[in-house]
Amino acid sequence: MGRVVIMEDIKEKLYQLCLNFIEQRIHTAETALEQAREASNDDTKSSAGDKFETTREMMQQDISRNKRLLMDAQQNLILLNSIKDMPLNDKVRNGNLVHTSEGVFYISISAGQLKLENEIIFAISAASPIGNLLIGKEKGASFDFNGKNYIIKQII
């Protein structure tokens, strides 16, 4: 019983790290979008028409890129919120913490390498190449990825 509570506590901490990661991405994208909009609004047409149009197009591309980044981060936040209290299952799915012979993976969002209590855990999306291989597997199952054989030791 105590080990399950500790593991659930670890999952909660990982969830918070991922949430902080996404909130920072949203904040960064919103700030960059606002700055790009302000720069676009402040730009005045000069006598060099081509230069103005090129600058305007670059600003528009910057705005579009930041909108996409913001939308992606917001979608990741929705996904992260949907897995917060997933019940345990025998098969790997979103929200699981998966211990393998080659590392520990938190199936959530692509937040990369997280350090928690002196352990490295990889926050990965189910749609990532390794996430795709993990989804649906059971404890004891194995698979190959990048020339390494992974064995699933525990699903939490």
N, C-alpha and C. Protein backbone atom coordinates (compact mmCIF):
# COMPACT_ATOMS: atom_id res chain seq x y z
N MET A 1 0.83 -1.20 0.00
CA MET A 1 0.00 0.00 0.00
C MET A 1 0.86 1.26 0.00
N GLY A 2 1.90 1.28 0.86
CA GLY A 2 2.75 2.45 0.95
C GLY A 2 3.47 2.76 -0.34
N ARG A 3 3.91 1.73 -1.08
CA ARG A 3 4.63 1.94 -2.34
C ARG A 3 3.71 2.58 -3.39
N VAL A 4 2.43 2.18 -3.42
CA VAL A 4 1.48 2.76 -4.37
C VAL A 4 1.28 4.25 -4.08
N VAL A 5 1.18 4.61 -2.80
CA VAL A 5 1.00 6.01 -2.41
C VAL A 5 2.23 6.81 -2.84
N ILE A 6 3.43 6.25 -2.61
CA ILE A 6 4.66 6.95 -3.01
C ILE A 6 4.69 7.12 -4.52
N MET A 7 4.33 6.10 -5.28
CA MET A 7 4.33 6.19 -6.74
C MET A 7 3.31 7.21 -7.23
N GLU A 8 2.16 7.25 -6.61
CA GLU A 8 1.15 8.24 -6.99
C GLU A 8 1.65 9.65 -6.68
N ASP A 9 2.40 9.79 -5.59
CA ASP A 9 2.99 11.08 -5.24
C ASP A 9 4.02 11.49 -6.31
N ILE A 10 4.80 10.54 -6.78
CA ILE A 10 5.78 10.81 -7.83
C ILE A 10 5.06 11.23 -9.11
N LYS A 11 3.97 10.52 -9.45
CA LYS A 11 3.20 10.90 -10.64
C LYS A 11 2.64 12.31 -10.51
N GLU A 12 2.19 12.67 -9.32
CA GLU A 12 1.66 14.03 -9.09
C GLU A 12 2.77 15.06 -9.28
N LYS A 13 3.95 14.77 -8.78
CA LYS A 13 5.08 15.70 -8.95
C LYS A 13 5.47 15.82 -10.42
N LEU A 14 5.46 14.71 -11.15
CA LEU A 14 5.76 14.74 -12.58
C LEU A 14 4.69 15.54 -13.32
N TYR A 15 3.45 15.34 -12.94
CA TYR A 15 2.35 16.11 -13.54
C TYR A 15 2.60 17.60 -13.33
N GLN A 16 2.99 17.99 -12.12
CA GLN A 16 3.23 19.41 -11.83
C GLN A 16 4.41 19.95 -12.64
N LEU A 17 5.46 19.15 -12.81
CA LEU A 17 6.60 19.58 -13.63
C LEU A 17 6.16 19.81 -15.08
N CYS A 18 5.35 18.89 -15.60
CA CYS A 18 4.84 19.03 -16.97
C CYS A 18 3.91 20.23 -17.08
N LEU A 19 3.09 20.44 -16.07
CA LEU A 19 2.17 21.58 -16.06
C LEU A 19 2.97 22.89 -16.05
N ASN A 20 4.02 22.96 -15.24
CA ASN A 20 4.87 24.15 -15.22
C ASN A 20 5.52 24.37 -16.58
N PHE A 21 5.97 23.29 -17.21
CA PHE A 21 6.59 23.36 -18.53
C PHE A 21 5.62 23.96 -19.55
N ILE A 22 4.38 23.46 -19.56
CA ILE A 22 3.38 23.94 -20.51
C ILE A 22 2.96 25.37 -20.20
N GLU A 23 2.77 25.69 -18.94
CA GLU A 23 2.39 27.06 -18.59
C GLU A 23 3.48 28.05 -19.02
N GLN A 24 4.74 27.66 -18.89
CA GLN A 24 5.84 28.52 -19.33
C GLN A 24 5.82 28.69 -20.84
N ARG A 25 5.55 27.61 -21.57
CA ARG A 25 5.46 27.70 -23.03
C ARG A 25 4.32 28.61 -23.46
N ILE A 26 3.18 28.50 -22.77
CA ILE A 26 2.04 29.36 -23.09
C ILE A 26 2.40 30.82 -22.83
N HIS A 27 3.01 31.08 -21.69
CA HIS A 27 3.40 32.46 -21.35
C HIS A 27 4.39 33.02 -22.37
N THR A 28 5.38 32.22 -22.73
CA THR A 28 6.38 32.66 -23.71
C THR A 28 5.74 32.95 -25.06
N ALA A 29 4.85 32.06 -25.51
CA ALA A 29 4.18 32.26 -26.80
C ALA A 29 3.28 33.49 -26.77
N GLU A 30 2.55 33.68 -25.67
CA GLU A 30 1.67 34.85 -25.56
C GLU A 30 2.48 36.14 -25.57
N THR A 31 3.60 36.15 -24.85
CA THR A 31 4.45 37.33 -24.81
C THR A 31 5.02 37.64 -26.19
N ALA A 32 5.54 36.61 -26.86
CA ALA A 32 6.11 36.80 -28.20
C ALA A 32 5.05 37.26 -29.19
N LEU A 33 3.85 36.71 -29.07
CA LEU A 33 2.75 37.10 -29.96
C LEU A 33 2.38 38.56 -29.73
N GLU A 34 2.29 38.96 -28.49
CA GLU A 34 1.96 40.35 -28.17
C GLU A 34 3.04 41.31 -28.69
N GLN A 35 4.30 40.92 -28.50
CA GLN A 35 5.40 41.77 -28.98
C GLN A 35 5.39 41.88 -30.50
N ALA A 36 5.11 40.77 -31.17
CA ALA A 36 5.06 40.80 -32.64
C ALA A 36 3.90 41.68 -33.12
N ARG A 37 2.77 41.59 -32.45
CA ARG A 37 1.62 42.44 -32.82
C ARG A 37 1.93 43.91 -32.60
N GLU A 38 2.56 44.22 -31.47
CA GLU A 38 2.92 45.62 -31.19
C GLU A 38 3.90 46.14 -32.22
N ALA A 39 4.89 45.33 -32.57
CA ALA A 39 5.88 45.74 -33.57
C ALA A 39 5.20 45.98 -34.92
N SER A 40 4.24 45.14 -35.25
CA SER A 40 3.52 45.28 -36.51
C SER A 40 2.68 46.54 -36.52
N ASN A 41 2.04 46.84 -35.40
CA ASN A 41 1.21 48.05 -35.29
C ASN A 41 2.04 49.32 -35.27
N ASP A 42 3.24 49.24 -34.70
CA ASP A 42 4.12 50.42 -34.60
C ASP A 42 4.84 50.73 -35.90
N ASP A 43 4.91 49.73 -36.78
CA ASP A 43 5.64 49.92 -38.02
C ASP A 43 4.89 50.90 -38.92
N THR A 44 5.59 51.90 -39.39
CA THR A 44 4.96 52.87 -40.30
C THR A 44 5.57 52.73 -41.68
N LYS A 45 4.76 52.98 -42.66
CA LYS A 45 5.21 52.83 -44.05
C LYS A 45 6.25 53.90 -44.37
N SER A 46 7.38 53.41 -44.89
CA SER A 46 8.44 54.33 -45.27
C SER A 46 8.40 54.53 -46.78
N SER A 47 9.31 55.34 -47.27
CA SER A 47 9.36 55.58 -48.71
C SER A 47 9.88 54.35 -49.46
N ALA A 48 10.55 53.45 -48.75
CA ALA A 48 11.05 52.23 -49.38
C ALA A 48 9.95 51.19 -49.29
N GLY A 49 9.04 51.18 -50.25
CA GLY A 49 7.87 50.30 -50.24
C GLY A 49 8.20 48.82 -50.15
N ASP A 50 9.18 48.36 -50.93
CA ASP A 50 9.52 46.93 -50.91
C ASP A 50 10.04 46.51 -49.54
N LYS A 51 10.86 47.37 -48.95
CA LYS A 51 11.40 47.06 -47.63
C LYS A 51 10.27 46.97 -46.61
N PHE A 52 9.33 47.88 -46.69
CA PHE A 52 8.18 47.87 -45.79
C PHE A 52 7.39 46.58 -45.95
N GLU A 53 7.10 46.18 -47.19
CA GLU A 53 6.32 44.98 -47.43
C GLU A 53 7.05 43.73 -46.94
N THR A 54 8.36 43.68 -47.14
CA THR A 54 9.15 42.54 -46.66
C THR A 54 9.11 42.48 -45.14
N THR A 55 9.28 43.61 -44.48
CA THR A 55 9.24 43.66 -43.02
C THR A 55 7.86 43.26 -42.52
N ARG A 56 6.82 43.77 -43.17
CA ARG A 56 5.45 43.45 -42.78
C ARG A 56 5.19 41.94 -42.92
N GLU A 57 5.66 41.34 -44.00
CA GLU A 57 5.49 39.90 -44.23
C GLU A 57 6.24 39.10 -43.17
N MET A 58 7.45 39.52 -42.82
CA MET A 58 8.21 38.82 -41.78
C MET A 58 7.50 38.91 -40.43
N MET A 59 6.93 40.07 -40.14
CA MET A 59 6.18 40.22 -38.89
C MET A 59 4.94 39.32 -38.89
N GLN A 60 4.27 39.24 -40.03
CA GLN A 60 3.09 38.39 -40.13
C GLN A 60 3.47 36.91 -39.94
N GLN A 61 4.59 36.52 -40.51
CA GLN A 61 5.07 35.14 -40.34
C GLN A 61 5.40 34.87 -38.87
N ASP A 62 5.98 35.85 -38.21
CA ASP A 62 6.30 35.73 -36.79
C ASP A 62 5.03 35.59 -35.97
N ILE A 63 4.01 36.38 -36.28
CA ILE A 63 2.72 36.30 -35.58
C ILE A 63 2.11 34.92 -35.81
N SER A 64 2.12 34.45 -37.04
CA SER A 64 1.54 33.14 -37.36
C SER A 64 2.27 32.01 -36.62
N ARG A 65 3.60 32.09 -36.59
CA ARG A 65 4.39 31.07 -35.90
C ARG A 65 4.07 31.05 -34.41
N ASN A 66 3.99 32.22 -33.81
CA ASN A 66 3.67 32.29 -32.38
C ASN A 66 2.25 31.84 -32.08
N LYS A 67 1.32 32.09 -32.99
CA LYS A 67 -0.05 31.58 -32.82
C LYS A 67 -0.04 30.05 -32.81
N ARG A 68 0.74 29.46 -33.75
CA ARG A 68 0.82 27.99 -33.79
C ARG A 68 1.44 27.42 -32.52
N LEU A 69 2.50 28.07 -32.03
CA LEU A 69 3.14 27.63 -30.79
C LEU A 69 2.17 27.72 -29.61
N LEU A 70 1.42 28.80 -29.56
CA LEU A 70 0.44 28.99 -28.49
C LEU A 70 -0.65 27.94 -28.57
N MET A 71 -1.16 27.69 -29.77
CA MET A 71 -2.21 26.69 -29.94
C MET A 71 -1.71 25.30 -29.56
N ASP A 72 -0.48 24.97 -29.95
CA ASP A 72 0.12 23.68 -29.61
C ASP A 72 0.24 23.54 -28.09
N ALA A 73 0.71 24.58 -27.42
CA ALA A 73 0.86 24.55 -25.97
C ALA A 73 -0.50 24.41 -25.28
N GLN A 74 -1.51 25.11 -25.80
CA GLN A 74 -2.85 25.00 -25.21
C GLN A 74 -3.42 23.59 -25.39
N GLN A 75 -3.17 22.97 -26.54
CA GLN A 75 -3.62 21.60 -26.76
C GLN A 75 -2.90 20.64 -25.82
N ASN A 76 -1.61 20.87 -25.59
CA ASN A 76 -0.88 20.04 -24.64
C ASN A 76 -1.43 20.20 -23.23
N LEU A 77 -1.85 21.41 -22.87
CA LEU A 77 -2.44 21.64 -21.55
C LEU A 77 -3.75 20.85 -21.42
N ILE A 78 -4.56 20.85 -22.46
CA ILE A 78 -5.81 20.08 -22.44
C ILE A 78 -5.51 18.59 -22.27
N LEU A 79 -4.53 18.09 -23.03
CA LEU A 79 -4.14 16.68 -22.91
C LEU A 79 -3.64 16.37 -21.51
N LEU A 80 -2.79 17.23 -20.98
CA LEU A 80 -2.25 17.01 -19.65
C LEU A 80 -3.35 16.98 -18.60
N ASN A 81 -4.30 17.90 -18.70
CA ASN A 81 -5.43 17.91 -17.75
C ASN A 81 -6.29 16.65 -17.87
N SER A 82 -6.36 16.08 -19.07
CA SER A 82 -7.20 14.89 -19.27
C SER A 82 -6.59 13.63 -18.66
N ILE A 83 -5.30 13.64 -18.38
CA ILE A 83 -4.67 12.43 -17.84
C ILE A 83 -4.39 12.53 -16.35
N LYS A 84 -4.75 13.64 -15.74
CA LYS A 84 -4.39 13.89 -14.34
C LYS A 84 -4.77 12.74 -13.41
N ASP A 85 -5.95 12.26 -13.46
CA ASP A 85 -6.40 11.25 -12.51
C ASP A 85 -6.78 9.93 -13.20
N MET A 86 -5.98 9.52 -14.16
CA MET A 86 -6.26 8.26 -14.86
C MET A 86 -6.09 7.09 -13.90
N PRO A 87 -7.08 6.19 -13.86
CA PRO A 87 -6.93 5.01 -12.99
C PRO A 87 -5.88 4.05 -13.57
N LEU A 88 -5.33 3.23 -12.69
CA LEU A 88 -4.35 2.24 -13.14
C LEU A 88 -4.98 1.24 -14.09
N ASN A 89 -4.15 0.72 -14.97
CA ASN A 89 -4.58 -0.25 -15.95
C ASN A 89 -3.42 -1.21 -16.15
N ASP A 90 -3.69 -2.40 -16.68
CA ASP A 90 -2.62 -3.37 -16.93
C ASP A 90 -1.80 -3.02 -18.15
N LYS A 91 -2.34 -2.17 -19.00
CA LYS A 91 -1.66 -1.80 -20.24
C LYS A 91 -1.24 -0.34 -20.20
N VAL A 92 -0.11 -0.04 -20.83
CA VAL A 92 0.41 1.33 -20.88
C VAL A 92 -0.56 2.22 -21.64
N ARG A 93 -0.83 3.38 -21.06
CA ARG A 93 -1.65 4.40 -21.70
C ARG A 93 -1.26 5.77 -21.16
N ASN A 94 -1.88 6.81 -21.72
CA ASN A 94 -1.61 8.16 -21.25
C ASN A 94 -1.78 8.25 -19.74
N GLY A 95 -0.86 8.95 -19.10
CA GLY A 95 -0.92 9.13 -17.66
C GLY A 95 -0.09 8.14 -16.88
N ASN A 96 0.41 7.09 -17.54
CA ASN A 96 1.20 6.08 -16.83
C ASN A 96 2.65 6.50 -16.68
N LEU A 97 3.22 6.01 -15.61
CA LEU A 97 4.66 6.08 -15.38
C LEU A 97 5.16 4.67 -15.67
N VAL A 98 6.06 4.55 -16.65
CA VAL A 98 6.49 3.23 -17.12
C VAL A 98 7.98 3.06 -16.85
N HIS A 99 8.30 2.07 -16.02
CA HIS A 99 9.69 1.74 -15.75
C HIS A 99 10.10 0.64 -16.72
N THR A 100 11.17 0.90 -17.48
CA THR A 100 11.69 -0.10 -18.41
C THR A 100 13.14 -0.41 -18.04
N SER A 101 13.68 -1.39 -18.71
CA SER A 101 15.08 -1.75 -18.49
C SER A 101 16.04 -0.66 -18.95
N GLU A 102 15.55 0.27 -19.76
CA GLU A 102 16.40 1.32 -20.32
C GLU A 102 16.02 2.72 -19.87
N GLY A 103 15.11 2.85 -18.93
CA GLY A 103 14.74 4.17 -18.45
C GLY A 103 13.29 4.23 -18.00
N VAL A 104 12.93 5.38 -17.45
CA VAL A 104 11.58 5.59 -16.93
C VAL A 104 10.90 6.66 -17.79
N PHE A 105 9.65 6.38 -18.17
CA PHE A 105 8.91 7.26 -19.06
C PHE A 105 7.56 7.63 -18.43
N TYR A 106 7.25 8.92 -18.49
CA TYR A 106 5.94 9.41 -18.07
C TYR A 106 5.19 9.72 -19.35
N ILE A 107 4.15 8.96 -19.63
CA ILE A 107 3.37 9.13 -20.86
C ILE A 107 2.41 10.29 -20.64
N SER A 108 2.74 11.42 -21.23
CA SER A 108 1.95 12.62 -21.00
C SER A 108 2.11 13.58 -22.18
N ILE A 109 3.03 14.49 -22.04
CA ILE A 109 3.35 15.46 -23.10
C ILE A 109 4.84 15.38 -23.38
N SER A 110 5.25 15.88 -24.50
CA SER A 110 6.67 15.90 -24.83
C SER A 110 7.34 17.06 -24.10
N ALA A 111 7.77 16.79 -22.88
CA ALA A 111 8.46 17.81 -22.07
C ALA A 111 9.93 17.47 -21.91
N GLY A 112 10.34 16.34 -22.45
CA GLY A 112 11.75 15.98 -22.40
C GLY A 112 12.16 15.36 -21.09
N GLN A 113 13.41 15.56 -20.77
CA GLN A 113 14.02 14.95 -19.60
C GLN A 113 13.67 15.75 -18.35
N LEU A 114 13.12 15.06 -17.34
CA LEU A 114 12.80 15.68 -16.07
C LEU A 114 13.61 15.01 -14.98
N LYS A 115 14.07 15.79 -14.02
CA LYS A 115 14.81 15.21 -12.89
C LYS A 115 13.92 15.30 -11.67
N LEU A 116 13.69 14.16 -11.05
CA LEU A 116 12.85 14.11 -9.87
C LEU A 116 13.48 13.17 -8.85
N GLU A 117 13.79 13.70 -7.69
CA GLU A 117 14.39 12.91 -6.62
C GLU A 117 15.58 12.09 -7.12
N ASN A 118 16.50 12.77 -7.79
CA ASN A 118 17.74 12.18 -8.31
C ASN A 118 17.52 11.10 -9.37
N GLU A 119 16.34 11.05 -9.94
CA GLU A 119 16.06 10.09 -11.02
C GLU A 119 15.69 10.87 -12.28
N ILE A 120 16.18 10.41 -13.41
CA ILE A 120 15.85 11.02 -14.69
C ILE A 120 14.61 10.31 -15.23
N ILE A 121 13.60 11.08 -15.57
CA ILE A 121 12.36 10.54 -16.13
C ILE A 121 12.09 11.31 -17.42
N PHE A 122 11.71 10.59 -18.44
CA PHE A 122 11.43 11.21 -19.73
C PHE A 122 9.93 11.41 -19.88
N ALA A 123 9.50 12.65 -19.97
CA ALA A 123 8.09 12.97 -20.23
C ALA A 123 7.92 12.93 -21.74
N ILE A 124 7.13 11.96 -22.20
CA ILE A 124 6.96 11.77 -23.64
C ILE A 124 5.48 11.73 -24.00
N SER A 125 5.20 12.05 -25.21
CA SER A 125 3.86 11.97 -25.75
C SER A 125 3.59 10.54 -26.23
N ALA A 126 2.34 10.14 -26.17
CA ALA A 126 1.96 8.83 -26.70
C ALA A 126 2.19 8.77 -28.21
N ALA A 127 2.22 9.93 -28.85
CA ALA A 127 2.41 9.99 -30.30
C ALA A 127 3.89 9.99 -30.70
N SER A 128 4.78 10.11 -29.72
CA SER A 128 6.22 10.07 -30.03
C SER A 128 6.59 8.66 -30.47
N PRO A 129 7.71 8.51 -31.15
CA PRO A 129 8.09 7.16 -31.61
C PRO A 129 8.15 6.12 -30.48
N ILE A 130 8.79 6.46 -29.36
CA ILE A 130 8.87 5.48 -28.27
C ILE A 130 7.53 5.36 -27.54
N GLY A 131 6.81 6.46 -27.44
CA GLY A 131 5.48 6.42 -26.82
C GLY A 131 4.55 5.52 -27.60
N ASN A 132 4.64 5.61 -28.91
CA ASN A 132 3.84 4.77 -29.79
C ASN A 132 4.13 3.28 -29.56
N LEU A 133 5.40 2.97 -29.30
CA LEU A 133 5.79 1.58 -29.03
C LEU A 133 5.33 1.11 -27.65
N LEU A 134 5.27 2.03 -26.69
CA LEU A 134 4.86 1.67 -25.33
C LEU A 134 3.36 1.47 -25.17
N ILE A 135 2.58 2.31 -25.84
CA ILE A 135 1.12 2.28 -25.66
C ILE A 135 0.57 0.89 -25.96
N GLY A 136 -0.24 0.41 -25.01
CA GLY A 136 -0.91 -0.88 -25.17
C GLY A 136 -0.11 -2.08 -24.68
N LYS A 137 1.17 -1.87 -24.33
CA LYS A 137 2.00 -2.98 -23.86
C LYS A 137 1.72 -3.25 -22.38
N GLU A 138 2.01 -4.49 -21.96
CA GLU A 138 1.82 -4.90 -20.58
C GLU A 138 3.16 -5.10 -19.89
N LYS A 139 3.13 -5.21 -18.58
CA LYS A 139 4.34 -5.49 -17.80
C LYS A 139 4.97 -6.78 -18.34
N GLY A 140 6.28 -6.77 -18.51
CA GLY A 140 7.00 -7.92 -19.04
C GLY A 140 7.19 -7.91 -20.54
N ALA A 141 6.41 -7.07 -21.23
CA ALA A 141 6.54 -6.99 -22.70
C ALA A 141 7.86 -6.33 -23.05
N SER A 142 8.34 -6.62 -24.25
CA SER A 142 9.57 -5.99 -24.70
C SER A 142 9.39 -5.45 -26.11
N PHE A 143 10.27 -4.53 -26.47
CA PHE A 143 10.26 -3.95 -27.81
C PHE A 143 11.65 -3.39 -28.09
N ASP A 144 11.95 -3.19 -29.34
CA ASP A 144 13.23 -2.62 -29.75
C ASP A 144 13.03 -1.18 -30.21
N PHE A 145 13.96 -0.34 -29.79
CA PHE A 145 13.93 1.07 -30.22
C PHE A 145 15.37 1.56 -30.31
N ASN A 146 15.72 2.11 -31.47
CA ASN A 146 17.07 2.63 -31.71
C ASN A 146 18.16 1.63 -31.34
N GLY A 147 17.96 0.39 -31.69
CA GLY A 147 18.97 -0.63 -31.47
C GLY A 147 19.05 -1.16 -30.06
N LYS A 148 18.14 -0.74 -29.19
CA LYS A 148 18.13 -1.24 -27.81
C LYS A 148 16.85 -2.02 -27.56
N ASN A 149 16.96 -3.03 -26.72
CA ASN A 149 15.79 -3.80 -26.32
C ASN A 149 15.29 -3.26 -24.98
N TYR A 150 14.03 -2.88 -24.94
CA TYR A 150 13.40 -2.37 -23.73
C TYR A 150 12.45 -3.43 -23.18
N ILE A 151 12.51 -3.65 -21.89
CA ILE A 151 11.59 -4.57 -21.20
C ILE A 151 10.81 -3.74 -20.19
N ILE A 152 9.50 -3.84 -20.23
CA ILE A 152 8.65 -3.09 -19.30
C ILE A 152 8.65 -3.81 -17.97
N LYS A 153 9.16 -3.12 -16.95
CA LYS A 153 9.27 -3.70 -15.61
C LYS A 153 8.08 -3.37 -14.72
N GLN A 154 7.54 -2.16 -14.90
CA GLN A 154 6.45 -1.72 -14.03
C GLN A 154 5.65 -0.64 -14.71
N ILE A 155 4.33 -0.68 -14.51
CA ILE A 155 3.41 0.33 -15.04
C ILE A 155 2.67 0.91 -13.84
N ILE A 156 2.76 2.22 -13.69
CA ILE A 156 2.11 2.87 -12.54
C ILE A 156 1.17 3.92 -13.06
